[in-house]
Amino acid sequence: MASSDDKPCELCELIPSTTWYAEYDEPFRFTILDCDSCDVPMAVIGKHKSSLTEEESRVVQAALGKIADEKYPQGWVFDDNMRQIPDHYHIHARPYPPWWKKP
């Protein structure tokens, strides 16, 4: 699939260049891997679309949360601000920055 500017979508064409934690086919296709830009775990939906249903979001966040709990025992937060690839849904699990007020 092409992105909005007719370049190939790098999230549609995932190339294993970082750590891959898990691949899911059910209830829908998505992959959890380290982001090659910021080196934090992220989930990438297998279908080229820019948003998820509430149920899809729950499934993805539960799976990504398990990885984040192991990698960041001091705490972490979801970040679904899709800066570089805004038209293919992905979500990051980022460690709390030192200044963050933990819940």
N, C-alpha and C. Protein backbone atom coordinates (compact mmCIF):
# COMPACT_ATOMS: atom_id res chain seq x y z
N MET A 1 0.86 -1.18 0.00
CA MET A 1 0.00 0.00 0.00
C MET A 1 0.90 1.24 0.00
N ALA A 2 0.43 2.27 -0.63
CA ALA A 2 1.18 3.53 -0.66
C ALA A 2 0.67 4.46 0.41
N SER A 3 1.53 5.29 0.90
CA SER A 3 1.12 6.32 1.84
C SER A 3 0.45 7.45 1.05
N SER A 4 0.02 8.47 1.74
CA SER A 4 -0.71 9.56 1.09
C SER A 4 0.13 10.32 0.08
N ASP A 5 1.46 10.24 0.15
CA ASP A 5 2.30 10.94 -0.82
C ASP A 5 2.87 9.98 -1.87
N ASP A 6 2.23 8.83 -2.07
CA ASP A 6 2.56 7.83 -3.09
C ASP A 6 3.89 7.11 -2.89
N LYS A 7 4.53 7.25 -1.74
CA LYS A 7 5.70 6.45 -1.42
C LYS A 7 5.19 5.17 -0.75
N PRO A 8 5.92 4.07 -0.87
CA PRO A 8 5.49 2.85 -0.18
C PRO A 8 5.42 3.09 1.33
N CYS A 9 4.47 2.47 1.98
CA CYS A 9 4.32 2.61 3.43
C CYS A 9 5.27 1.64 4.12
N GLU A 10 6.21 2.17 4.89
CA GLU A 10 7.18 1.29 5.54
C GLU A 10 6.55 0.42 6.63
N LEU A 11 5.38 0.80 7.15
CA LEU A 11 4.72 -0.04 8.14
C LEU A 11 3.94 -1.17 7.49
N CYS A 12 3.50 -0.98 6.26
CA CYS A 12 2.88 -2.09 5.51
C CYS A 12 3.95 -3.11 5.12
N GLU A 13 5.15 -2.64 4.88
CA GLU A 13 6.24 -3.47 4.42
C GLU A 13 7.26 -3.68 5.54
N LEU A 14 6.81 -4.06 6.72
CA LEU A 14 7.73 -4.21 7.86
C LEU A 14 8.92 -5.08 7.51
N ILE A 15 10.09 -4.54 7.73
CA ILE A 15 11.33 -5.27 7.51
C ILE A 15 11.96 -5.52 8.87
N PRO A 16 12.24 -6.76 9.20
CA PRO A 16 12.82 -7.06 10.51
C PRO A 16 14.23 -6.49 10.67
N SER A 17 14.32 -5.29 11.20
CA SER A 17 15.63 -4.67 11.43
C SER A 17 15.84 -4.35 12.90
N THR A 18 14.84 -4.61 13.72
CA THR A 18 14.92 -4.40 15.16
C THR A 18 14.38 -5.64 15.86
N THR A 19 14.30 -5.59 17.18
CA THR A 19 13.74 -6.71 17.94
C THR A 19 12.24 -6.82 17.65
N TRP A 20 11.81 -8.03 17.34
CA TRP A 20 10.39 -8.33 17.18
C TRP A 20 9.97 -9.15 18.39
N TYR A 21 8.91 -8.72 19.06
CA TYR A 21 8.44 -9.40 20.27
C TYR A 21 7.34 -10.41 19.98
N ALA A 22 6.41 -10.06 19.10
CA ALA A 22 5.27 -10.95 18.85
C ALA A 22 4.58 -10.57 17.54
N GLU A 23 3.99 -11.58 16.91
CA GLU A 23 3.16 -11.37 15.73
C GLU A 23 1.83 -12.06 15.98
N TYR A 24 0.76 -11.37 15.69
CA TYR A 24 -0.59 -11.89 15.91
C TYR A 24 -1.35 -11.92 14.59
N ASP A 25 -2.14 -12.97 14.42
CA ASP A 25 -3.05 -13.06 13.28
C ASP A 25 -4.50 -12.99 13.74
N GLU A 26 -4.74 -13.29 15.01
CA GLU A 26 -6.09 -13.29 15.57
C GLU A 26 -6.14 -12.42 16.80
N PRO A 27 -7.15 -11.64 17.00
CA PRO A 27 -8.37 -11.52 16.21
C PRO A 27 -8.19 -10.71 14.93
N PHE A 28 -6.99 -10.11 14.74
CA PHE A 28 -6.62 -9.40 13.51
C PHE A 28 -5.10 -9.35 13.50
N ARG A 29 -4.54 -8.98 12.38
CA ARG A 29 -3.08 -9.01 12.24
C ARG A 29 -2.45 -7.74 12.82
N PHE A 30 -1.44 -7.96 13.69
CA PHE A 30 -0.58 -6.87 14.16
C PHE A 30 0.71 -7.45 14.69
N THR A 31 1.72 -6.60 14.76
CA THR A 31 3.05 -7.01 15.18
C THR A 31 3.54 -6.06 16.27
N ILE A 32 4.27 -6.61 17.24
CA ILE A 32 4.90 -5.78 18.26
C ILE A 32 6.41 -5.90 18.07
N LEU A 33 7.07 -4.76 17.89
CA LEU A 33 8.49 -4.71 17.62
C LEU A 33 9.06 -3.41 18.16
N ASP A 34 10.38 -3.32 18.22
CA ASP A 34 11.01 -2.06 18.60
C ASP A 34 10.98 -1.10 17.41
N CYS A 35 10.59 0.12 17.67
CA CYS A 35 10.57 1.17 16.65
C CYS A 35 12.00 1.43 16.21
N ASP A 36 12.22 1.50 14.89
CA ASP A 36 13.59 1.74 14.43
C ASP A 36 14.01 3.21 14.54
N SER A 37 13.06 4.09 14.86
CA SER A 37 13.40 5.51 15.06
C SER A 37 13.71 5.84 16.51
N CYS A 38 12.92 5.27 17.43
CA CYS A 38 13.07 5.67 18.84
C CYS A 38 13.40 4.51 19.78
N ASP A 39 13.51 3.30 19.25
CA ASP A 39 13.96 2.14 20.02
C ASP A 39 13.09 1.83 21.23
N VAL A 40 11.79 2.00 21.10
CA VAL A 40 10.84 1.59 22.14
C VAL A 40 9.86 0.61 21.49
N PRO A 41 9.23 -0.26 22.30
CA PRO A 41 8.26 -1.19 21.73
C PRO A 41 7.07 -0.45 21.11
N MET A 42 6.61 -0.97 19.99
CA MET A 42 5.43 -0.40 19.36
C MET A 42 4.64 -1.52 18.71
N ALA A 43 3.35 -1.29 18.58
CA ALA A 43 2.48 -2.22 17.88
C ALA A 43 2.10 -1.59 16.55
N VAL A 44 2.17 -2.39 15.49
CA VAL A 44 1.83 -1.94 14.14
C VAL A 44 0.71 -2.82 13.62
N ILE A 45 -0.36 -2.21 13.21
CA ILE A 45 -1.52 -2.92 12.66
C ILE A 45 -1.17 -3.43 11.26
N GLY A 46 -1.63 -4.62 10.94
CA GLY A 46 -1.32 -5.22 9.65
C GLY A 46 -2.06 -4.61 8.48
N LYS A 47 -3.13 -3.91 8.75
CA LYS A 47 -3.93 -3.30 7.70
C LYS A 47 -3.63 -1.81 7.64
N HIS A 48 -3.51 -1.27 6.44
CA HIS A 48 -3.21 0.15 6.29
C HIS A 48 -4.46 0.98 6.57
N LYS A 49 -4.54 1.47 7.80
CA LYS A 49 -5.63 2.37 8.20
C LYS A 49 -5.11 3.24 9.32
N SER A 50 -5.78 4.37 9.54
CA SER A 50 -5.24 5.36 10.47
C SER A 50 -5.83 5.32 11.88
N SER A 51 -6.84 4.50 12.11
CA SER A 51 -7.42 4.43 13.45
C SER A 51 -7.95 3.03 13.72
N LEU A 52 -8.22 2.76 14.98
CA LEU A 52 -8.73 1.46 15.42
C LEU A 52 -10.11 1.62 16.04
N THR A 53 -10.85 0.53 16.06
CA THR A 53 -12.09 0.51 16.82
C THR A 53 -11.71 0.42 18.30
N GLU A 54 -12.67 0.63 19.18
CA GLU A 54 -12.38 0.52 20.62
C GLU A 54 -11.92 -0.89 20.97
N GLU A 55 -12.54 -1.90 20.40
CA GLU A 55 -12.16 -3.29 20.68
C GLU A 55 -10.75 -3.59 20.16
N GLU A 56 -10.43 -3.15 18.95
CA GLU A 56 -9.08 -3.34 18.41
C GLU A 56 -8.06 -2.65 19.31
N SER A 57 -8.36 -1.47 19.75
CA SER A 57 -7.46 -0.73 20.62
C SER A 57 -7.22 -1.48 21.93
N ARG A 58 -8.26 -2.05 22.51
CA ARG A 58 -8.10 -2.82 23.76
C ARG A 58 -7.17 -4.01 23.54
N VAL A 59 -7.36 -4.73 22.44
CA VAL A 59 -6.54 -5.90 22.15
C VAL A 59 -5.07 -5.50 21.98
N VAL A 60 -4.82 -4.48 21.18
CA VAL A 60 -3.45 -4.03 20.91
C VAL A 60 -2.80 -3.52 22.19
N GLN A 61 -3.50 -2.71 22.96
CA GLN A 61 -2.91 -2.16 24.17
C GLN A 61 -2.63 -3.24 25.20
N ALA A 62 -3.48 -4.25 25.30
CA ALA A 62 -3.23 -5.34 26.25
C ALA A 62 -1.95 -6.09 25.87
N ALA A 63 -1.78 -6.38 24.59
CA ALA A 63 -0.59 -7.12 24.14
C ALA A 63 0.67 -6.26 24.29
N LEU A 64 0.61 -5.01 23.86
CA LEU A 64 1.77 -4.12 23.97
C LEU A 64 2.09 -3.84 25.44
N GLY A 65 1.07 -3.73 26.26
CA GLY A 65 1.28 -3.48 27.69
C GLY A 65 2.07 -4.58 28.37
N LYS A 66 1.86 -5.83 27.96
CA LYS A 66 2.63 -6.94 28.56
C LYS A 66 4.12 -6.80 28.25
N ILE A 67 4.44 -6.40 27.03
CA ILE A 67 5.84 -6.19 26.65
C ILE A 67 6.42 -5.01 27.42
N ALA A 68 5.66 -3.93 27.50
CA ALA A 68 6.14 -2.73 28.19
C ALA A 68 6.34 -2.98 29.68
N ASP A 69 5.46 -3.77 30.30
CA ASP A 69 5.62 -4.08 31.73
C ASP A 69 6.96 -4.79 31.98
N GLU A 70 7.34 -5.68 31.08
CA GLU A 70 8.61 -6.40 31.24
C GLU A 70 9.81 -5.49 30.97
N LYS A 71 9.71 -4.67 29.93
CA LYS A 71 10.84 -3.84 29.53
C LYS A 71 11.03 -2.62 30.43
N TYR A 72 9.93 -2.08 30.96
CA TYR A 72 9.99 -0.85 31.76
C TYR A 72 9.31 -1.06 33.12
N PRO A 73 9.93 -1.81 34.02
CA PRO A 73 9.30 -2.06 35.32
C PRO A 73 9.10 -0.80 36.16
N GLN A 74 9.81 0.28 35.83
CA GLN A 74 9.64 1.54 36.56
C GLN A 74 8.45 2.35 36.05
N GLY A 75 7.80 1.87 35.00
CA GLY A 75 6.61 2.54 34.48
C GLY A 75 6.77 3.01 33.05
N TRP A 76 5.66 3.15 32.39
CA TRP A 76 5.63 3.52 30.98
C TRP A 76 4.26 4.10 30.65
N VAL A 77 4.15 4.62 29.44
CA VAL A 77 2.90 5.23 28.99
C VAL A 77 2.71 4.93 27.50
N PHE A 78 1.45 4.77 27.07
CA PHE A 78 1.15 4.62 25.64
C PHE A 78 1.29 5.97 24.95
N ASP A 79 1.79 5.93 23.74
CA ASP A 79 1.90 7.14 22.90
C ASP A 79 1.44 6.76 21.49
N ASP A 80 0.26 7.23 21.11
CA ASP A 80 -0.22 6.94 19.75
C ASP A 80 -0.25 8.19 18.87
N ASN A 81 0.64 9.13 19.19
CA ASN A 81 0.81 10.29 18.33
C ASN A 81 1.69 9.84 17.15
N MET A 82 1.07 9.67 16.01
CA MET A 82 1.75 9.09 14.84
C MET A 82 2.43 10.20 14.04
N ARG A 83 3.61 10.57 14.46
CA ARG A 83 4.31 11.72 13.90
C ARG A 83 4.82 11.48 12.48
N GLN A 84 5.62 10.46 12.29
CA GLN A 84 6.29 10.25 11.00
C GLN A 84 5.43 9.53 9.97
N ILE A 85 4.55 8.65 10.42
CA ILE A 85 3.69 7.90 9.50
C ILE A 85 2.25 8.03 10.01
N PRO A 86 1.58 9.14 9.70
CA PRO A 86 0.27 9.41 10.30
C PRO A 86 -0.90 8.63 9.72
N ASP A 87 -0.70 7.92 8.60
CA ASP A 87 -1.84 7.25 8.00
C ASP A 87 -1.84 5.73 8.16
N HIS A 88 -0.90 5.18 8.93
CA HIS A 88 -0.89 3.74 9.24
C HIS A 88 -0.79 3.63 10.76
N TYR A 89 -1.86 3.12 11.38
CA TYR A 89 -1.94 3.13 12.84
C TYR A 89 -0.80 2.33 13.48
N HIS A 90 -0.17 2.96 14.46
CA HIS A 90 0.82 2.33 15.31
C HIS A 90 0.82 3.05 16.65
N ILE A 91 1.24 2.35 17.68
CA ILE A 91 1.25 2.91 19.03
C ILE A 91 2.53 2.48 19.73
N HIS A 92 3.16 3.41 20.42
CA HIS A 92 4.40 3.16 21.16
C HIS A 92 4.11 2.98 22.64
N ALA A 93 4.98 2.25 23.32
CA ALA A 93 4.99 2.18 24.78
C ALA A 93 6.31 2.81 25.21
N ARG A 94 6.23 3.99 25.80
CA ARG A 94 7.44 4.75 26.15
C ARG A 94 7.67 4.73 27.67
N PRO A 95 8.93 4.61 28.07
CA PRO A 95 9.21 4.69 29.51
C PRO A 95 8.89 6.10 30.01
N TYR A 96 8.52 6.18 31.26
CA TYR A 96 8.29 7.50 31.84
C TYR A 96 9.57 8.31 31.77
N PRO A 97 9.49 9.55 31.30
CA PRO A 97 10.68 10.41 31.38
C PRO A 97 10.93 10.79 32.83
N PRO A 98 12.14 11.20 33.17
CA PRO A 98 12.46 11.50 34.57
C PRO A 98 11.54 12.55 35.20
N TRP A 99 11.02 13.49 34.42
CA TRP A 99 10.19 14.56 34.96
C TRP A 99 8.72 14.18 35.08
N TRP A 100 8.32 13.03 34.57
CA TRP A 100 6.91 12.61 34.54
C TRP A 100 6.37 12.35 35.93
N LYS A 101 5.18 12.84 36.22
CA LYS A 101 4.52 12.53 37.49
C LYS A 101 3.80 11.21 37.33
N LYS A 102 4.33 10.18 37.96
CA LYS A 102 3.78 8.83 37.82
C LYS A 102 2.43 8.74 38.53
N PRO A 103 1.50 7.95 37.95
CA PRO A 103 0.17 7.82 38.57
C PRO A 103 0.22 7.09 39.89
